[in-house]
């Protein structure tokens, strides 16, 4: 679960009667995600790859979408695709041929 302010017991008590809110809150076990984590960057990259490689066209049926995603996932896992989890501004700057653009007059 992300760390939105609506993901607290108070938001349930504002929406539902006390008995219902209490029952809902006790029904789940919550795991909060780190606020600043490379895992989020990696997840976003994978979703972007999925979109570009698999879902960048119109697909009419949800069953076909499921089949396409399942095939993409199978191929991606078998190719042992990895994301480099080092995301810093220094790394990005070093990858550029010139760290900062130059203006020629």
Protein backbone atom coordinates (compact mmCIF):
# COMPACT_ATOMS: atom_id res chain seq x y z
CA UNK A 1 0.00 0.00 0.00
CA UNK A 2 1.28 3.45 -0.71
CA UNK A 3 1.44 6.15 1.90
CA UNK A 4 -1.54 8.31 0.98
CA UNK A 5 -3.23 10.09 3.84
CA UNK A 6 -6.49 8.35 2.92
CA UNK A 7 -5.00 4.94 3.75
CA UNK A 8 -5.61 5.18 7.47
CA UNK A 9 -8.31 3.85 9.78
CA UNK A 10 -9.70 7.37 10.04
CA UNK A 11 -10.67 7.43 6.37
CA UNK A 12 -12.76 4.30 6.84
CA UNK A 13 -14.48 5.76 9.89
CA UNK A 14 -15.28 8.90 7.91
CA UNK A 15 -16.85 6.83 5.13
CA UNK A 16 -18.59 3.98 6.97
CA UNK A 17 -20.40 3.45 10.25
CA UNK A 18 -18.10 2.49 13.14
CA UNK A 19 -18.94 -1.22 13.10
CA UNK A 20 -18.41 -1.54 9.34
CA UNK A 21 -15.20 0.50 9.38
CA UNK A 22 -13.80 -1.56 12.24
CA UNK A 23 -14.69 -4.82 10.48
CA UNK A 24 -13.06 -3.65 7.25
CA UNK A 25 -9.90 -2.43 8.97
CA UNK A 26 -9.49 -5.70 10.89
CA UNK A 27 -10.08 -7.77 7.76
CA UNK A 28 -6.79 -6.82 6.11
CA UNK A 29 -3.13 -6.91 6.98
CA UNK A 30 -1.43 -3.81 5.64
CA UNK A 31 2.12 -3.53 4.37
CA UNK A 32 3.22 0.01 3.66
CA UNK A 33 5.77 0.67 0.96
CA UNK A 34 8.83 2.86 1.45
CA UNK A 35 8.25 6.48 0.53
CA UNK A 36 11.48 6.73 -1.44
CA UNK A 37 12.47 3.48 -3.09
CA UNK A 38 14.07 2.35 -6.29
CA UNK A 39 11.48 -0.43 -6.45
CA UNK A 40 8.95 2.16 -7.62
CA UNK A 41 11.24 3.32 -10.42
CA UNK A 42 11.79 -0.28 -11.49
CA UNK A 43 8.07 -1.04 -11.43
CA UNK A 44 7.34 2.03 -13.55
CA UNK A 45 10.04 1.01 -16.04
CA UNK A 46 8.59 -2.49 -16.34
CA UNK A 47 5.10 -1.09 -16.90
CA UNK A 48 6.49 1.22 -19.56
CA UNK A 49 8.22 -1.72 -21.29
CA UNK A 50 4.99 -3.73 -21.12
CA UNK A 51 3.06 -0.86 -22.68
CA UNK A 52 5.58 -0.30 -25.49
CA UNK A 53 6.20 -3.96 -26.31
CA UNK A 54 2.77 -5.46 -25.77
CA UNK A 55 -0.07 -3.00 -25.27
CA UNK A 56 0.70 -0.21 -27.72
CA UNK A 57 -2.18 -1.16 -29.97
CA UNK A 58 -5.93 -1.51 -29.66
CA UNK A 59 -7.02 -4.87 -28.29
CA UNK A 60 -10.76 -5.44 -28.30
CA UNK A 61 -11.22 -8.33 -25.85
CA UNK A 62 -10.02 -8.54 -22.24
CA UNK A 63 -9.21 -12.23 -22.74
CA UNK A 64 -6.86 -11.30 -25.57
CA UNK A 65 -5.19 -8.68 -23.34
CA UNK A 66 -4.66 -11.33 -20.66
CA UNK A 67 -3.17 -13.75 -23.18
CA UNK A 68 -0.86 -11.08 -24.63
CA UNK A 69 0.36 -9.98 -21.20
CA UNK A 70 0.87 -13.58 -20.11
CA UNK A 71 2.95 -14.30 -23.23
CA UNK A 72 4.95 -11.09 -22.76
CA UNK A 73 5.57 -11.92 -19.10
CA UNK A 74 6.71 -15.44 -19.97
CA UNK A 75 9.12 -14.16 -22.63
CA UNK A 76 10.41 -11.37 -20.36
CA UNK A 77 11.05 -13.78 -17.48
CA UNK A 78 12.73 -16.36 -19.73
CA UNK A 79 15.05 -13.69 -21.15
CA UNK A 80 15.95 -12.81 -17.55
CA UNK A 81 15.36 -9.14 -18.28
CA UNK A 82 16.76 -6.91 -15.55
CA UNK A 83 16.47 -3.29 -14.58
CA UNK A 84 19.55 -1.52 -13.28
CA UNK A 85 18.37 -0.32 -9.87
CA UNK A 86 20.85 2.51 -9.56
CA UNK A 87 18.97 5.71 -10.12
CA UNK A 88 20.92 8.77 -9.15
CA UNK A 89 21.40 12.09 -10.85
CA UNK A 90 25.16 11.48 -10.88
CA UNK A 91 24.69 8.22 -12.85
CA UNK A 92 22.40 9.93 -15.33
CA UNK A 93 24.79 12.84 -15.77
CA UNK A 94 27.76 10.52 -16.35
CA UNK A 95 25.89 8.66 -19.10
CA UNK A 96 25.52 11.82 -21.14
CA UNK A 97 28.29 12.67 -23.57
CA UNK A 98 28.26 16.19 -22.17
CA UNK A 99 26.87 16.73 -18.69
CA UNK A 100 25.33 20.07 -19.61
CA UNK A 101 24.28 21.43 -23.01
CA UNK A 102 26.32 24.19 -24.56
CA UNK A 103 24.86 27.13 -26.43
CA UNK A 104 26.73 28.14 -29.54
CA UNK A 105 26.21 31.70 -30.78
